[in-house]
Amino acid sequence: MPRDRARRTTRTGGANGVTWLVRRQYRTMFCTGAALVVAIAGYIVWQRFAMTGYLRDHGIAGCADWKATCHGEPIPDGRGESPVGDAFFHISDVYRPRILATGRVLLALPALFGVFVGAPLVARELENGTHKLVWTQSVSRTRWLTAQLALPLAAVLTGSALLSALYTWWWRTARATTLTDIAWGTTVPFDASGPAAVALTALSFLLGTAIGLVVARTLPAMVVTFGAIAGVVYGLAALRPHLMPTRTMVSDADGHFGRTPQHVFYTSWRGMADGYLTRTGEKVPGDLCSGADSSSAMHRCFARLGATGRGYVEYHPASHFWPLQWIQAGICLAAAAALTVFCLWWIRRRPSGRATA
C-alpha cells in the first residue's frame, strides 16, 4: 500500500482518526462561532467599563437608586433637579436597554446552538448516508457518536461559559448601583447569566442532537428543536419560583411595606404571589377577585372573603440568586446527561442498513 494512502487510512480509522475528521468537518463552524463569541465578549467588556467609568466620573459609584442619598447628597425623583439625579437617569436610559438587549441575544444563543449545530450534527450524516462510510472503518458507532458530540459540545460550552461570566459581571454591577428595577429572577437576565446559562446551552445542544438522531432529517429536526427549546425556556421560567421556598413581606394597614428593610425590598425578586391578609393572618390571593367588573365590586369581594387592608407579597431575597442558579443548572445538566445516554443507546440499536430516503 502506498505510504500516503496508508497515512489517510490511519487518519480516518480509530478514535484519533474520527477526532481528526470531526475537526476538519466542523472547522468553519468552530471559527465562525469563535468570532461571534469574541465579538459579543468585546462588546460586553466595552460597555461594562464605559458604565463603571460614567459612575465614577459622575460621583455615583457605590450608590443605589433606592437610597435616599448618594454620598450625602439627596437623590431627586425628577430630571434636571441635580447632577446626581441626572446621572441616575442617564444610566437607566442608556445602559438598561443595552443590558436587557444583550441578555436577549445571549438567551438566543442556546437556541441557535441547538438548532443550527446540534440538530444537523447527526441528522445530516444520517440523511446523506455518509455515516455508513465511517461505520465500515475500524470505528464503533459509540466512538463515532462520542467524537461527533465531544468537540462541538466542548466548543459550545467554552463560549457559553465565557459570555455568561462576562454578562453576570456586567449586569450585577449595574444592579448593585442603579438598575434595581431589573428583576433578577426573570428569564432575562437569569437564563443568560451564571451556570444556568451554560447548563441551558448544553441541554439545548444535546436536545437538538437527540431530535436529529431520531428524526434523521435535517430541516424537520431543526424545526422541532426550535419548538422544544422554546418549551424548555418557558418551562424553566414557570418552575424557577418554586425551586426554593419563598419568603413573605407584609404591609401595614395602608398597604405600605415600610417595615421591610429597603435593601431587602429593592434587591429581592418579588411577585411570586400577592394578595391580602385576613384578621386571622390567612392569605387571600389577589387574583380571587380579579373577575370583578369595578373597584367597588372588588372591594366587596375582598370584604366577603374577610380580607383587610394589610397586603402581602411573596419574594425571593437576593441571597437566593446563586442557589437558584445552581439548582436550575443541575436540572438542565441532569436532563442533558439523560439525553446523552439516550443518544448512545439509540445509535447502537439503529440498523446499519436502515434507509434514510
Protein backbone atom coordinates (compact mmCIF):
# COMPACT_ATOMS: atom_id res chain seq x y z
CA MET A 1 0.00 0.00 0.00
CA PRO A 2 1.41 3.44 -0.87
CA ARG A 3 2.61 5.47 2.08
CA ASP A 4 0.22 8.44 1.55
CA ARG A 5 -2.75 6.10 1.23
CA ALA A 6 -1.75 4.31 4.43
CA ARG A 7 -1.48 7.67 6.15
CA ARG A 8 -5.01 8.60 5.05
CA THR A 9 -6.33 5.24 6.24
CA THR A 10 -4.72 5.76 9.64
CA ARG A 11 -6.24 9.21 9.88
CA THR A 12 -9.79 8.05 9.23
CA GLY A 13 -9.59 4.87 11.26
CA GLY A 14 -9.75 4.60 15.05
CA ALA A 15 -10.70 7.16 17.66
CA ASN A 16 -7.93 9.60 16.72
CA GLY A 17 -8.95 9.44 13.09
CA VAL A 18 -12.57 10.24 13.87
CA THR A 19 -11.49 13.16 16.04
CA TRP A 20 -9.36 14.48 13.20
CA LEU A 21 -12.30 14.03 10.81
CA VAL A 22 -14.67 15.95 13.09
CA ARG A 23 -12.16 18.80 13.43
CA ARG A 24 -11.83 19.03 9.65
CA GLN A 25 -15.55 18.72 9.11
CA TYR A 26 -16.60 21.46 11.51
CA ARG A 27 -13.60 23.81 11.47
CA THR A 28 -15.57 26.50 9.61
CA MET A 29 -18.31 26.30 12.23
CA PHE A 30 -15.73 26.48 15.03
CA CYS A 31 -14.08 29.56 13.52
CA THR A 32 -17.42 31.30 12.95
CA GLY A 33 -18.58 30.55 16.48
CA ALA A 34 -15.29 31.76 17.96
CA ALA A 35 -15.56 35.03 16.05
CA LEU A 36 -19.13 35.51 17.31
CA VAL A 37 -18.12 34.83 20.92
CA VAL A 38 -15.16 37.23 20.71
CA ALA A 39 -17.35 39.98 19.23
CA ILE A 40 -20.03 39.67 21.93
CA ALA A 41 -17.43 39.38 24.69
CA GLY A 42 -15.67 42.51 23.44
CA TYR A 43 -18.97 44.42 23.40
CA ILE A 44 -19.81 43.39 26.98
CA VAL A 45 -16.37 44.36 28.30
CA TRP A 46 -16.52 47.70 26.47
CA GLN A 47 -19.99 48.51 27.80
CA ARG A 48 -19.15 47.48 31.33
CA PHE A 49 -16.05 49.67 31.50
CA ALA A 50 -17.94 52.56 29.92
CA MET A 51 -20.69 52.23 32.53
CA THR A 52 -18.37 52.00 35.52
CA GLY A 53 -16.36 54.92 34.15
CA TYR A 54 -19.54 57.01 33.96
CA LEU A 55 -20.49 56.04 37.51
CA ARG A 56 -17.04 57.03 38.76
CA ASP A 57 -16.82 60.29 36.78
CA HIS A 58 -20.24 61.46 38.00
CA GLY A 59 -19.72 60.51 41.62
CA ILE A 60 -22.44 57.86 41.88
CA ALA A 61 -20.24 54.77 42.12
CA GLY A 62 -21.37 52.66 45.07
CA CYS A 63 -24.78 54.36 45.22
CA ALA A 64 -28.11 52.62 44.71
CA ASP A 65 -31.18 54.38 43.35
CA TRP A 66 -33.35 53.11 46.20
CA LYS A 67 -31.30 55.02 48.77
CA ALA A 68 -32.39 58.48 49.82
CA THR A 69 -28.93 59.95 49.39
CA CYS A 70 -25.74 59.36 47.41
CA HIS A 71 -22.61 60.26 49.38
CA GLY A 72 -24.75 62.60 51.49
CA GLU A 73 -26.48 64.32 48.57
CA PRO A 74 -30.23 63.73 48.13
CA ILE A 75 -31.28 61.79 45.05
CA PRO A 76 -34.20 63.65 43.42
CA ASP A 77 -37.06 61.90 41.65
CA GLY A 78 -37.17 64.16 38.61
CA ARG A 79 -34.81 65.18 35.84
CA GLY A 80 -32.92 68.43 35.87
CA GLU A 81 -33.00 68.77 39.65
CA SER A 82 -29.37 67.88 40.33
CA PRO A 83 -26.35 66.39 38.56
CA VAL A 84 -26.64 63.25 40.70
CA GLY A 85 -30.27 62.70 39.71
CA ASP A 86 -29.50 63.30 36.04
CA ALA A 87 -26.66 60.77 36.22
CA PHE A 88 -29.04 58.13 37.57
CA PHE A 89 -31.50 58.83 34.76
CA HIS A 90 -28.69 58.61 32.20
CA ILE A 91 -27.65 55.17 33.47
CA SER A 92 -31.24 53.97 33.29
CA ASP A 93 -31.88 55.43 29.83
CA VAL A 94 -28.64 54.26 28.22
CA TYR A 95 -27.43 51.09 29.91
CA ARG A 96 -30.67 49.43 30.99
CA PRO A 97 -31.81 48.79 27.38
CA ARG A 98 -28.31 47.61 26.43
CA ILE A 99 -28.10 45.15 29.31
CA LEU A 100 -31.53 43.69 28.56
CA ALA A 101 -30.90 43.54 24.80
CA THR A 102 -27.56 41.78 25.33
CA GLY A 103 -29.26 39.32 27.67
CA ARG A 104 -31.82 38.50 24.98
CA VAL A 105 -29.02 37.89 22.49
CA LEU A 106 -27.29 35.54 24.92
CA LEU A 107 -30.60 33.78 25.60
CA ALA A 108 -30.94 33.19 21.86
CA LEU A 109 -27.51 31.55 21.62
CA PRO A 110 -28.55 28.21 23.20
CA ALA A 111 -31.40 28.03 20.71
CA LEU A 112 -29.02 28.81 17.84
CA PHE A 113 -26.56 26.17 19.02
CA GLY A 114 -29.32 23.60 19.38
CA VAL A 115 -31.00 24.37 16.05
CA PHE A 116 -28.00 25.05 13.80
CA VAL A 117 -25.33 22.88 15.46
CA GLY A 118 -26.98 20.14 17.50
CA ALA A 119 -29.89 19.21 15.21
CA PRO A 120 -27.90 18.93 11.93
CA LEU A 121 -24.89 17.34 13.63
CA VAL A 122 -26.06 13.75 13.20
CA ALA A 123 -29.23 14.26 11.17
CA ARG A 124 -27.24 15.44 8.13
CA GLU A 125 -24.95 12.42 8.35
CA LEU A 126 -27.90 10.03 8.54
CA GLU A 127 -29.83 11.83 5.83
CA ASN A 128 -26.93 11.81 3.37
CA GLY A 129 -25.75 8.34 4.31
CA THR A 130 -22.18 9.48 4.99
CA HIS A 131 -22.23 7.76 8.37
CA LYS A 132 -22.01 4.37 6.62
CA LEU A 133 -18.51 5.15 5.34
CA VAL A 134 -17.20 5.74 8.86
CA TRP A 135 -19.03 2.71 10.24
CA THR A 136 -17.23 0.48 7.71
CA GLN A 137 -13.88 1.61 9.16
CA SER A 138 -12.47 0.29 12.44
CA VAL A 139 -14.71 2.67 14.40
CA SER A 140 -17.68 1.64 16.52
CA ARG A 141 -20.90 3.58 16.44
CA THR A 142 -20.40 4.69 20.04
CA ARG A 143 -16.95 6.11 19.28
CA TRP A 144 -18.26 7.82 16.18
CA LEU A 145 -21.13 9.50 18.05
CA THR A 146 -18.89 10.38 21.00
CA ALA A 147 -16.46 12.14 18.67
CA GLN A 148 -19.35 13.88 16.91
CA LEU A 149 -20.62 15.19 20.25
CA ALA A 150 -17.44 15.87 22.22
CA LEU A 151 -15.67 18.53 20.17
CA PRO A 152 -18.71 20.67 19.25
CA LEU A 153 -20.08 20.41 22.78
CA ALA A 154 -16.74 21.44 24.32
CA ALA A 155 -16.52 24.41 21.98
CA VAL A 156 -20.10 25.48 22.64
CA LEU A 157 -19.75 25.23 26.42
CA THR A 158 -16.46 27.14 26.44
CA GLY A 159 -18.01 30.04 24.56
CA SER A 160 -21.16 29.96 26.69
CA ALA A 161 -19.18 29.94 29.95
CA LEU A 162 -17.12 32.94 28.85
CA LEU A 163 -20.13 35.00 27.76
CA SER A 164 -22.27 34.16 30.78
CA ALA A 165 -19.43 35.08 33.15
CA LEU A 166 -18.89 38.43 31.44
CA TYR A 167 -22.60 39.19 31.30
CA THR A 168 -23.04 38.35 35.00
CA TRP A 169 -20.09 40.63 35.78
CA TRP A 170 -21.77 43.46 33.85
CA TRP A 171 -25.41 43.34 34.90
CA ARG A 172 -24.82 42.56 38.58
CA THR A 173 -22.54 45.61 38.77
CA ALA A 174 -25.34 47.71 37.29
CA ARG A 175 -27.97 46.23 39.59
CA ALA A 176 -25.85 46.83 42.69
CA THR A 177 -25.71 50.53 41.87
CA THR A 178 -28.58 51.94 39.87
CA LEU A 179 -30.68 49.40 37.98
CA THR A 180 -32.55 47.79 40.85
CA ASP A 181 -35.72 47.64 38.73
CA ILE A 182 -34.31 44.69 36.77
CA ALA A 183 -35.89 41.63 38.38
CA TRP A 184 -33.04 39.14 38.63
CA GLY A 185 -35.29 36.07 38.51
CA THR A 186 -36.92 36.76 35.15
CA THR A 187 -35.84 34.92 32.00
CA VAL A 188 -33.56 37.83 31.14
CA PRO A 189 -31.15 38.17 32.88
CA PHE A 190 -31.40 34.88 34.83
CA ASP A 191 -31.14 32.41 31.93
CA ALA A 192 -28.38 34.46 30.30
CA SER A 193 -26.05 34.51 33.30
CA GLY A 194 -24.22 32.20 35.67
CA PRO A 195 -24.09 28.40 35.49
CA ALA A 196 -27.76 28.32 34.43
CA ALA A 197 -26.81 29.75 31.03
CA VAL A 198 -24.05 27.18 30.49
CA ALA A 199 -26.27 24.27 31.51
CA LEU A 200 -29.09 25.52 29.27
CA THR A 201 -26.64 25.60 26.36
CA ALA A 202 -25.61 22.01 27.00
CA LEU A 203 -29.22 20.91 27.23
CA SER A 204 -30.19 22.74 24.03
CA PHE A 205 -27.28 21.23 22.10
CA LEU A 206 -27.99 17.66 23.23
CA LEU A 207 -31.73 18.12 22.77
CA GLY A 208 -31.09 19.10 19.16
CA THR A 209 -28.73 16.16 18.68
CA ALA A 210 -31.25 13.69 20.10
CA ILE A 211 -34.04 15.03 17.92
CA GLY A 212 -31.80 14.92 14.85
CA LEU A 213 -30.83 11.35 15.68
CA VAL A 214 -34.47 10.24 15.90
CA VAL A 215 -35.89 12.31 13.03
CA ALA A 216 -32.86 11.72 10.74
CA ARG A 217 -33.89 14.66 8.54
CA THR A 218 -32.06 17.95 8.88
CA LEU A 219 -34.76 20.55 8.30
CA PRO A 220 -37.55 18.83 10.28
CA ALA A 221 -35.09 18.23 13.12
CA MET A 222 -34.19 21.93 13.22
CA VAL A 223 -37.85 22.98 13.33
CA VAL A 224 -38.72 20.50 16.09
CA THR A 225 -35.62 21.50 18.06
CA PHE A 226 -36.56 25.17 17.98
CA GLY A 227 -40.01 24.41 19.40
CA ALA A 228 -38.57 22.08 22.03
CA ILE A 229 -36.02 24.64 23.25
CA ALA A 230 -38.69 27.34 23.44
CA GLY A 231 -40.74 24.95 25.57
CA VAL A 232 -37.75 24.28 27.83
CA VAL A 233 -37.15 28.01 28.41
CA TYR A 234 -40.84 28.58 29.14
CA GLY A 235 -40.94 25.60 31.49
CA LEU A 236 -37.87 26.76 33.40
CA ALA A 237 -39.41 30.22 33.86
CA ALA A 238 -42.57 28.63 35.28
CA LEU A 239 -40.63 26.22 37.52
CA ARG A 240 -38.00 28.65 38.83
CA PRO A 241 -40.11 30.43 41.51
CA HIS A 242 -40.86 27.06 43.13
CA LEU A 243 -37.31 25.72 43.32
CA MET A 244 -36.82 27.26 46.77
CA PRO A 245 -39.28 28.29 49.48
CA THR A 246 -40.32 31.91 49.15
CA ARG A 247 -40.48 34.45 51.94
CA THR A 248 -43.33 36.81 52.72
CA MET A 249 -43.29 40.56 53.32
CA VAL A 250 -46.35 42.12 54.93
CA SER A 251 -47.57 45.70 54.58
CA ASP A 252 -49.20 47.94 57.15
CA ALA A 253 -52.89 48.83 57.13
CA ASP A 254 -52.26 51.47 54.44
CA GLY A 255 -50.61 48.97 52.10
CA HIS A 256 -47.05 50.26 52.62
CA PHE A 257 -44.13 47.88 53.15
CA GLY A 258 -42.19 50.30 55.31
CA ARG A 259 -41.35 47.67 57.90
CA THR A 260 -39.39 45.71 55.31
CA PRO A 261 -35.79 46.95 55.07
CA GLN A 262 -35.25 48.92 51.89
CA HIS A 263 -32.29 46.86 50.71
CA VAL A 264 -34.39 43.69 51.05
CA PHE A 265 -37.38 45.20 49.24
CA TYR A 266 -35.42 46.59 46.31
CA THR A 267 -32.95 43.74 45.81
CA SER A 268 -35.48 40.92 46.07
CA TRP A 269 -37.33 39.14 43.28
CA ARG A 270 -40.94 39.90 44.08
CA GLY A 271 -44.27 38.88 42.61
CA MET A 272 -44.39 35.10 43.15
CA ALA A 273 -47.79 35.69 44.76
CA ASP A 274 -49.56 38.62 46.37
CA GLY A 275 -52.84 39.50 47.97
CA TYR A 276 -54.32 40.46 51.33
CA LEU A 277 -54.37 39.08 54.83
CA THR A 278 -57.45 38.31 56.87
CA ARG A 279 -57.78 39.29 60.53
CA THR A 280 -56.58 35.82 61.47
CA GLY A 281 -53.50 36.13 59.25
CA GLU A 282 -54.69 33.86 56.45
CA LYS A 283 -53.69 34.77 52.90
CA VAL A 284 -56.29 35.79 50.31
CA PRO A 285 -54.68 35.66 46.84
CA GLY A 286 -55.16 38.86 44.87
CA ASP A 287 -56.48 37.06 41.79
CA LEU A 288 -59.50 35.62 43.60
CA CYS A 289 -61.44 38.81 42.93
CA SER A 290 -59.86 39.65 39.59
CA GLY A 291 -63.14 38.94 37.80
CA ALA A 292 -64.90 41.88 39.47
CA ASP A 293 -66.11 44.43 36.92
CA SER A 294 -65.46 47.50 39.10
CA SER A 295 -63.34 48.62 42.03
CA SER A 296 -66.37 48.67 44.33
CA ALA A 297 -67.26 45.12 43.34
CA MET A 298 -63.66 44.09 44.01
CA HIS A 299 -63.76 45.67 47.47
CA ARG A 300 -67.00 43.82 48.24
CA CYS A 301 -65.42 40.60 47.05
CA PHE A 302 -62.41 41.00 49.37
CA ALA A 303 -64.65 42.07 52.25
CA ARG A 304 -66.72 38.92 51.76
CA LEU A 305 -63.52 36.88 51.99
CA GLY A 306 -62.52 38.65 55.19
CA ALA A 307 -59.52 40.48 53.73
CA THR A 308 -58.14 43.54 55.49
CA GLY A 309 -56.08 46.41 54.16
CA ARG A 310 -52.85 44.62 55.01
CA GLY A 311 -51.25 43.13 51.93
CA TYR A 312 -48.60 40.50 51.43
CA VAL A 313 -46.05 39.74 48.73
CA GLU A 314 -44.08 36.52 48.38
CA TYR A 315 -40.50 37.00 47.26
CA HIS A 316 -37.05 35.51 46.86
CA PRO A 317 -34.31 37.55 48.57
CA ALA A 318 -31.11 38.39 46.73
CA SER A 319 -29.35 35.60 48.65
CA HIS A 320 -31.40 33.07 46.66
CA PHE A 321 -29.84 34.05 43.34
CA TRP A 322 -26.87 31.69 43.35
CA PRO A 323 -28.70 28.71 44.93
CA LEU A 324 -31.43 29.03 42.29
CA GLN A 325 -28.75 29.27 39.61
CA TRP A 326 -27.13 26.02 40.70
CA ILE A 327 -30.44 24.20 41.23
CA GLN A 328 -31.63 25.08 37.72
CA ALA A 329 -28.21 24.24 36.28
CA GLY A 330 -28.37 20.86 37.98
CA ILE A 331 -31.78 20.16 36.46
CA CYS A 332 -30.57 21.07 32.98
CA LEU A 333 -27.36 19.05 33.31
CA ALA A 334 -29.29 16.02 34.56
CA ALA A 335 -31.57 16.26 31.52
CA ALA A 336 -28.53 16.71 29.26
CA ALA A 337 -26.89 13.60 30.74
CA ALA A 338 -30.09 11.63 30.18
CA LEU A 339 -30.17 12.78 26.55
CA THR A 340 -26.54 11.70 26.10
CA VAL A 341 -27.36 8.21 27.37
CA PHE A 342 -30.38 8.12 25.09
CA CYS A 343 -28.30 9.10 22.05
CA LEU A 344 -25.72 6.38 22.75
CA TRP A 345 -28.46 3.81 23.23
CA TRP A 346 -30.29 4.87 20.08
CA ILE A 347 -27.22 4.77 17.83
CA ARG A 348 -26.40 1.22 18.98
CA ARG A 349 -29.88 -0.09 18.20
CA ARG A 350 -30.13 1.62 14.81
CA PRO A 351 -29.92 -0.92 11.95
CA SER A 352 -26.85 -0.27 9.83
CA GLY A 353 -28.76 -0.75 6.62
CA ARG A 354 -31.77 1.41 7.55
CA ALA A 355 -32.95 3.51 4.65
CA THR A 356 -32.77 7.24 5.02
CA ALA A 357 -34.72 8.18 1.92
